[in-house]
Amino acid sequence: MNKSITSIFFKHYNSLMDITCFLSLKEAIKDLTSSSGIKEMDKRKISLELNSLDTLEDLQRYLTNAMLKYQGLGVR
């Protein structure tokens, strides 16, 4: 039996995408990540990737790709 794995962003995707302020969205992603049960190494990777993003569109693209990668559909 295969265990279904989804991105930590899947359940919160719509509410995150409704945030239109860059800093607010970045903080919401950080909060969600830090309170999740994912591996510490993955949390650090997400944090590093977030630090390199400079615009709201970059954050939204990151969220979408992070969610879709689990389904093999992510794009750059």
C-alpha atoms as a PDB file:
ATOM      1  CA  MET A   1       0.000   0.000   0.000  1.00  0.00           C
ATOM      2  CA  ASN A   2       1.427   3.383  -1.013  1.00  0.00           C
ATOM      3  CA  LYS A   3       1.256   6.216   1.464  1.00  0.00           C
ATOM      4  CA  SER A   4      -0.075   9.394  -0.099  1.00  0.00           C
ATOM      5  CA  ILE A   5       2.212  12.351   0.615  1.00  0.00           C
ATOM      6  CA  THR A   6       1.114  15.919   0.002  1.00  0.00           C
ATOM      7  CA  SER A   7       2.918  19.206   0.296  1.00  0.00           C
ATOM      8  CA  ILE A   8       2.572  21.089   3.579  1.00  0.00           C
ATOM      9  CA  PHE A   9       1.208  23.920   1.455  1.00  0.00           C
ATOM     10  CA  PHE A  10      -1.603  21.895  -0.133  1.00  0.00           C
ATOM     11  CA  LYS A  11      -4.245  22.427   2.558  1.00  0.00           C
ATOM     12  CA  HIS A  12      -3.374  26.119   2.961  1.00  0.00           C
ATOM     13  CA  TYR A  13      -2.708  26.974  -0.683  1.00  0.00           C
ATOM     14  CA  ASN A  14      -5.846  29.055  -1.340  1.00  0.00           C
ATOM     15  CA  SER A  15      -5.568  31.090   1.847  1.00  0.00           C
ATOM     16  CA  LEU A  16      -1.862  31.700   1.221  1.00  0.00           C
ATOM     17  CA  MET A  17      -2.497  32.788  -2.354  1.00  0.00           C
ATOM     18  CA  ASP A  18      -5.094  35.283  -1.072  1.00  0.00           C
ATOM     19  CA  ILE A  19      -2.343  37.178   0.772  1.00  0.00           C
ATOM     20  CA  THR A  20      -1.303  40.094  -1.428  1.00  0.00           C
ATOM     21  CA  CYS A  21       1.451  41.607   0.722  1.00  0.00           C
ATOM     22  CA  PHE A  22       4.926  40.194   0.054  1.00  0.00           C
ATOM     23  CA  LEU A  23       6.111  40.393   3.667  1.00  0.00           C
ATOM     24  CA  SER A  24       2.860  38.979   5.056  1.00  0.00           C
ATOM     25  CA  LEU A  25       2.972  36.031   2.672  1.00  0.00           C
ATOM     26  CA  LYS A  26       6.616  35.345   3.456  1.00  0.00           C
ATOM     27  CA  GLU A  27       5.856  35.394   7.192  1.00  0.00           C
ATOM     28  CA  ALA A  28       2.808  33.128   6.746  1.00  0.00           C
ATOM     29  CA  ILE A  29       4.915  30.593   4.846  1.00  0.00           C
ATOM     30  CA  LYS A  30       7.601  30.698   7.534  1.00  0.00           C
ATOM     31  CA  ASP A  31       5.007  30.229  10.282  1.00  0.00           C
ATOM     32  CA  LEU A  32       3.365  27.328   8.481  1.00  0.00           C
ATOM     33  CA  THR A  33       6.719  25.683   7.834  1.00  0.00           C
ATOM     34  CA  SER A  34       7.986  26.068  11.390  1.00  0.00           C
ATOM     35  CA  SER A  35       4.802  24.617  12.879  1.00  0.00           C
ATOM     36  CA  SER A  36       4.689  21.648  10.496  1.00  0.00           C
ATOM     37  CA  GLY A  37       5.989  18.175  11.227  1.00  0.00           C
ATOM     38  CA  ILE A  38       8.424  18.066   8.311  1.00  0.00           C
ATOM     39  CA  LYS A  39      12.108  17.260   8.754  1.00  0.00           C
ATOM     40  CA  GLU A  40      14.355  20.007  10.118  1.00  0.00           C
ATOM     41  CA  MET A  41      16.534  19.777   7.020  1.00  0.00           C
ATOM     42  CA  ASP A  42      13.496  20.465   4.821  1.00  0.00           C
ATOM     43  CA  LYS A  43      12.510  23.405   7.028  1.00  0.00           C
ATOM     44  CA  ARG A  44      15.987  24.901   6.603  1.00  0.00           C
ATOM     45  CA  LYS A  45      15.865  24.344   2.841  1.00  0.00           C
ATOM     46  CA  ILE A  46      12.505  26.129   2.604  1.00  0.00           C
ATOM     47  CA  SER A  47      13.823  28.984   4.739  1.00  0.00           C
ATOM     48  CA  LEU A  48      16.900  29.399   2.533  1.00  0.00           C
ATOM     49  CA  GLU A  49      14.791  29.328  -0.612  1.00  0.00           C
ATOM     50  CA  LEU A  50      12.397  31.925   0.821  1.00  0.00           C
ATOM     51  CA  ASN A  51      15.292  34.259   1.591  1.00  0.00           C
ATOM     52  CA  SER A  52      16.270  34.303  -2.077  1.00  0.00           C
ATOM     53  CA  LEU A  53      12.814  35.401  -3.267  1.00  0.00           C
ATOM     54  CA  ASP A  54      12.249  39.124  -3.827  1.00  0.00           C
ATOM     55  CA  THR A  55       8.707  39.596  -5.105  1.00  0.00           C
ATOM     56  CA  LEU A  56       5.162  38.485  -4.360  1.00  0.00           C
ATOM     57  CA  GLU A  57       5.088  36.704  -7.713  1.00  0.00           C
ATOM     58  CA  ASP A  58       8.254  34.782  -6.803  1.00  0.00           C
ATOM     59  CA  LEU A  59       6.654  33.628  -3.550  1.00  0.00           C
ATOM     60  CA  GLN A  60       3.459  32.597  -5.302  1.00  0.00           C
ATOM     61  CA  ARG A  61       5.420  30.681  -7.944  1.00  0.00           C
ATOM     62  CA  TYR A  62       7.434  28.980  -5.200  1.00  0.00           C
ATOM     63  CA  LEU A  63       4.255  27.923  -3.382  1.00  0.00           C
ATOM     64  CA  THR A  64       2.712  26.559  -6.549  1.00  0.00           C
ATOM     65  CA  ASN A  65       5.837  24.640  -7.525  1.00  0.00           C
ATOM     66  CA  ALA A  66       6.316  23.269  -4.008  1.00  0.00           C
ATOM     67  CA  MET A  67       2.774  21.972  -4.042  1.00  0.00           C
ATOM     68  CA  LEU A  68       2.961  20.523  -7.556  1.00  0.00           C
ATOM     69  CA  LYS A  69       6.360  18.831  -7.146  1.00  0.00           C
ATOM     70  CA  TYR A  70       4.729  16.126  -5.056  1.00  0.00           C
ATOM     71  CA  GLN A  71       2.620  15.276  -8.105  1.00  0.00           C
ATOM     72  CA  GLY A  72       5.549  15.456 -10.525  1.00  0.00           C
ATOM     73  CA  LEU A  73       4.192  18.620 -12.139  1.00  0.00           C
ATOM     74  CA  GLY A  74       6.462  21.410 -10.840  1.00  0.00           C
ATOM     75  CA  VAL A  75       7.882  23.952 -13.288  1.00  0.00           C
ATOM     76  CA  ARG A  76      10.554  26.618 -12.989  1.00  0.00           C
END
